[in-house]
Amino acid sequence: MKKFLSASPRWRVEVKRSTIEKKLFADLRDVVKITTSARTPDKEQLRKINEVVNRLMTEHGYCHICANEILRYTGSLLNR
């Protein structure tokens, strides 16, 4: 316990971030699977796909093709 309390604040932030990301990923897993596995997405699914693609492009610098490929690849991993 003493060792944990003496750990740097940055380390604790990283642990919290990792825990939150795992929780969000688990919560959104079904949404991503449904959205990326649909051969003909409905309007709502298409809106969600476009939101993710746009976010990958604006916040992470991916081109449109790469962002779509990342989304497809992630969906294929979740569908296993």
N, C-alpha and C. Protein backbone atom coordinates (compact mmCIF):
# COMPACT_ATOMS: atom_id res chain seq x y z
N MET A 1 0.82 -1.19 0.00
CA MET A 1 0.00 0.00 0.00
C MET A 1 0.86 1.25 0.00
N LYS A 2 1.91 1.25 0.79
CA LYS A 2 2.79 2.41 0.88
C LYS A 2 3.44 2.69 -0.47
N LYS A 3 3.83 1.63 -1.18
CA LYS A 3 4.46 1.79 -2.49
C LYS A 3 3.50 2.47 -3.47
N PHE A 4 2.23 2.09 -3.46
CA PHE A 4 1.24 2.69 -4.34
C PHE A 4 1.06 4.17 -4.04
N LEU A 5 1.02 4.51 -2.76
CA LEU A 5 0.81 5.91 -2.38
C LEU A 5 2.00 6.79 -2.76
N SER A 6 3.19 6.20 -2.82
CA SER A 6 4.35 6.99 -3.17
C SER A 6 4.56 7.08 -4.69
N ALA A 7 3.74 6.40 -5.45
CA ALA A 7 3.87 6.42 -6.91
C ALA A 7 3.58 7.82 -7.43
N SER A 8 4.18 8.12 -8.57
CA SER A 8 4.01 9.45 -9.14
C SER A 8 2.55 9.67 -9.55
N PRO A 9 2.10 10.91 -9.50
CA PRO A 9 0.73 11.22 -9.94
C PRO A 9 0.50 10.85 -11.40
N ARG A 10 1.53 10.98 -12.23
CA ARG A 10 1.40 10.63 -13.65
C ARG A 10 1.07 9.16 -13.81
N TRP A 11 1.73 8.31 -13.04
CA TRP A 11 1.46 6.87 -13.10
C TRP A 11 0.01 6.59 -12.74
N ARG A 12 -0.49 7.25 -11.70
CA ARG A 12 -1.88 7.03 -11.29
C ARG A 12 -2.84 7.50 -12.36
N VAL A 13 -2.52 8.58 -13.03
CA VAL A 13 -3.37 9.08 -14.11
C VAL A 13 -3.41 8.06 -15.25
N GLU A 14 -2.26 7.49 -15.58
CA GLU A 14 -2.20 6.49 -16.65
C GLU A 14 -3.02 5.25 -16.29
N VAL A 15 -2.97 4.83 -15.03
CA VAL A 15 -3.75 3.67 -14.59
C VAL A 15 -5.24 3.99 -14.70
N LYS A 16 -5.63 5.16 -14.27
CA LYS A 16 -7.04 5.57 -14.36
C LYS A 16 -7.48 5.64 -15.82
N ARG A 17 -6.65 6.23 -16.66
CA ARG A 17 -6.99 6.34 -18.08
C ARG A 17 -7.18 4.96 -18.70
N SER A 18 -6.25 4.07 -18.40
CA SER A 18 -6.34 2.71 -18.94
C SER A 18 -7.60 2.00 -18.47
N THR A 19 -7.93 2.16 -17.21
CA THR A 19 -9.13 1.53 -16.65
C THR A 19 -10.39 2.09 -17.30
N ILE A 20 -10.43 3.39 -17.48
CA ILE A 20 -11.60 4.03 -18.11
C ILE A 20 -11.73 3.59 -19.56
N GLU A 21 -10.60 3.53 -20.29
CA GLU A 21 -10.65 3.10 -21.69
C GLU A 21 -11.15 1.67 -21.81
N LYS A 22 -10.70 0.80 -20.93
CA LYS A 22 -11.16 -0.59 -20.96
C LYS A 22 -12.65 -0.67 -20.70
N LYS A 23 -13.14 0.11 -19.75
CA LYS A 23 -14.57 0.12 -19.42
C LYS A 23 -15.39 0.63 -20.60
N LEU A 24 -14.96 1.74 -21.18
CA LEU A 24 -15.69 2.30 -22.32
C LEU A 24 -15.67 1.35 -23.51
N PHE A 25 -14.51 0.72 -23.76
CA PHE A 25 -14.41 -0.21 -24.86
C PHE A 25 -15.36 -1.38 -24.66
N ALA A 26 -15.42 -1.89 -23.42
CA ALA A 26 -16.33 -3.00 -23.12
C ALA A 26 -17.78 -2.57 -23.30
N ASP A 27 -18.11 -1.36 -22.86
CA ASP A 27 -19.48 -0.86 -22.98
C ASP A 27 -19.89 -0.65 -24.43
N LEU A 28 -18.96 -0.21 -25.26
CA LEU A 28 -19.29 0.12 -26.64
C LEU A 28 -19.04 -1.02 -27.62
N ARG A 29 -18.55 -2.12 -27.11
CA ARG A 29 -18.21 -3.26 -27.97
C ARG A 29 -19.38 -3.68 -28.85
N ASP A 30 -20.56 -3.85 -28.27
CA ASP A 30 -21.73 -4.29 -29.03
C ASP A 30 -22.15 -3.25 -30.07
N VAL A 31 -22.04 -1.97 -29.71
CA VAL A 31 -22.40 -0.92 -30.65
C VAL A 31 -21.47 -0.96 -31.85
N VAL A 32 -20.17 -1.09 -31.62
CA VAL A 32 -19.20 -1.14 -32.71
C VAL A 32 -19.43 -2.38 -33.55
N LYS A 33 -19.68 -3.51 -32.92
CA LYS A 33 -19.92 -4.74 -33.67
C LYS A 33 -21.12 -4.60 -34.59
N ILE A 34 -22.20 -4.07 -34.08
CA ILE A 34 -23.42 -3.92 -34.88
C ILE A 34 -23.19 -2.93 -36.01
N THR A 35 -22.56 -1.81 -35.68
CA THR A 35 -22.35 -0.74 -36.66
C THR A 35 -21.42 -1.16 -37.78
N THR A 36 -20.34 -1.87 -37.45
CA THR A 36 -19.35 -2.22 -38.46
C THR A 36 -19.67 -3.52 -39.19
N SER A 37 -20.58 -4.32 -38.67
CA SER A 37 -20.85 -5.60 -39.31
C SER A 37 -22.04 -5.55 -40.26
N ALA A 38 -22.81 -4.48 -40.21
CA ALA A 38 -23.98 -4.37 -41.07
C ALA A 38 -23.55 -4.15 -42.53
N ARG A 39 -24.06 -4.99 -43.42
CA ARG A 39 -23.71 -4.85 -44.84
C ARG A 39 -24.34 -3.58 -45.43
N THR A 40 -25.56 -3.32 -45.04
CA THR A 40 -26.23 -2.09 -45.47
C THR A 40 -26.71 -1.36 -44.22
N PRO A 41 -25.86 -0.47 -43.70
CA PRO A 41 -26.22 0.23 -42.46
C PRO A 41 -27.41 1.16 -42.66
N ASP A 42 -28.24 1.24 -41.63
CA ASP A 42 -29.36 2.18 -41.68
C ASP A 42 -28.83 3.59 -41.42
N LYS A 43 -29.73 4.59 -41.40
CA LYS A 43 -29.31 5.98 -41.25
C LYS A 43 -28.56 6.22 -39.95
N GLU A 44 -29.04 5.63 -38.86
CA GLU A 44 -28.41 5.83 -37.56
C GLU A 44 -27.02 5.19 -37.52
N GLN A 45 -26.89 3.99 -38.05
CA GLN A 45 -25.59 3.34 -38.10
C GLN A 45 -24.61 4.12 -38.98
N LEU A 46 -25.09 4.60 -40.10
CA LEU A 46 -24.26 5.39 -41.00
C LEU A 46 -23.80 6.69 -40.33
N ARG A 47 -24.68 7.29 -39.57
CA ARG A 47 -24.33 8.51 -38.84
C ARG A 47 -23.21 8.22 -37.84
N LYS A 48 -23.33 7.11 -37.11
CA LYS A 48 -22.31 6.74 -36.14
C LYS A 48 -20.98 6.44 -36.82
N ILE A 49 -21.02 5.74 -37.93
CA ILE A 49 -19.80 5.43 -38.67
C ILE A 49 -19.13 6.72 -39.12
N ASN A 50 -19.91 7.62 -39.68
CA ASN A 50 -19.37 8.90 -40.15
C ASN A 50 -18.78 9.73 -39.01
N GLU A 51 -19.41 9.68 -37.85
CA GLU A 51 -18.89 10.41 -36.68
C GLU A 51 -17.51 9.88 -36.30
N VAL A 52 -17.37 8.56 -36.27
CA VAL A 52 -16.08 7.96 -35.91
C VAL A 52 -15.03 8.29 -36.97
N VAL A 53 -15.38 8.17 -38.22
CA VAL A 53 -14.45 8.47 -39.30
C VAL A 53 -14.01 9.93 -39.22
N ASN A 54 -14.95 10.84 -39.04
CA ASN A 54 -14.62 12.26 -38.94
C ASN A 54 -13.72 12.55 -37.74
N ARG A 55 -13.99 11.89 -36.64
CA ARG A 55 -13.17 12.09 -35.44
C ARG A 55 -11.75 11.57 -35.66
N LEU A 56 -11.62 10.41 -36.30
CA LEU A 56 -10.29 9.88 -36.61
C LEU A 56 -9.52 10.84 -37.53
N MET A 57 -10.23 11.47 -38.43
CA MET A 57 -9.59 12.39 -39.36
C MET A 57 -9.19 13.70 -38.68
N THR A 58 -10.10 14.29 -37.93
CA THR A 58 -9.83 15.61 -37.35
C THR A 58 -8.94 15.54 -36.11
N GLU A 59 -9.15 14.55 -35.26
CA GLU A 59 -8.41 14.52 -34.00
C GLU A 59 -7.12 13.70 -34.07
N HIS A 60 -7.04 12.78 -35.04
CA HIS A 60 -5.87 11.91 -35.09
C HIS A 60 -5.11 11.98 -36.41
N GLY A 61 -5.60 12.77 -37.36
CA GLY A 61 -4.87 13.02 -38.59
C GLY A 61 -4.92 11.94 -39.65
N TYR A 62 -5.86 11.02 -39.56
CA TYR A 62 -5.98 9.98 -40.59
C TYR A 62 -6.68 10.53 -41.82
N CYS A 63 -6.37 9.96 -42.98
CA CYS A 63 -7.13 10.30 -44.18
C CYS A 63 -8.44 9.51 -44.14
N HIS A 64 -9.36 9.84 -45.03
CA HIS A 64 -10.68 9.20 -45.06
C HIS A 64 -10.57 7.69 -45.28
N ILE A 65 -9.69 7.28 -46.19
CA ILE A 65 -9.54 5.86 -46.49
C ILE A 65 -8.99 5.10 -45.29
N CYS A 66 -7.95 5.66 -44.65
CA CYS A 66 -7.34 5.00 -43.49
C CYS A 66 -8.31 4.93 -42.31
N ALA A 67 -9.07 5.99 -42.10
CA ALA A 67 -10.04 6.00 -41.00
C ALA A 67 -11.09 4.91 -41.20
N ASN A 68 -11.57 4.76 -42.43
CA ASN A 68 -12.54 3.70 -42.71
C ASN A 68 -11.93 2.32 -42.52
N GLU A 69 -10.68 2.17 -42.93
CA GLU A 69 -9.99 0.88 -42.78
C GLU A 69 -9.79 0.53 -41.30
N ILE A 70 -9.43 1.51 -40.50
CA ILE A 70 -9.28 1.28 -39.06
C ILE A 70 -10.60 0.84 -38.46
N LEU A 71 -11.67 1.50 -38.82
CA LEU A 71 -12.98 1.15 -38.29
C LEU A 71 -13.38 -0.26 -38.73
N ARG A 72 -13.13 -0.60 -39.97
CA ARG A 72 -13.44 -1.94 -40.46
C ARG A 72 -12.61 -3.00 -39.73
N TYR A 73 -11.33 -2.72 -39.57
CA TYR A 73 -10.44 -3.66 -38.89
C TYR A 73 -10.85 -3.86 -37.43
N THR A 74 -11.16 -2.77 -36.75
CA THR A 74 -11.60 -2.86 -35.36
C THR A 74 -12.87 -3.69 -35.26
N GLY A 75 -13.79 -3.46 -36.16
CA GLY A 75 -15.03 -4.24 -36.17
C GLY A 75 -14.77 -5.72 -36.39
N SER A 76 -13.82 -6.03 -37.27
CA SER A 76 -13.51 -7.44 -37.52
C SER A 76 -12.91 -8.10 -36.29
N LEU A 77 -12.09 -7.37 -35.55
CA LEU A 77 -11.53 -7.91 -34.31
C LEU A 77 -12.61 -8.18 -33.28
N LEU A 78 -13.57 -7.27 -33.20
CA LEU A 78 -14.65 -7.44 -32.21
C LEU A 78 -15.62 -8.53 -32.60
N ASN A 79 -15.71 -8.85 -33.87
CA ASN A 79 -16.65 -9.87 -34.32
C ASN A 79 -16.10 -11.28 -34.17
N ARG A 80 -14.89 -11.42 -33.71
CA ARG A 80 -14.30 -12.75 -33.52
C ARG A 80 -14.88 -13.45 -32.34
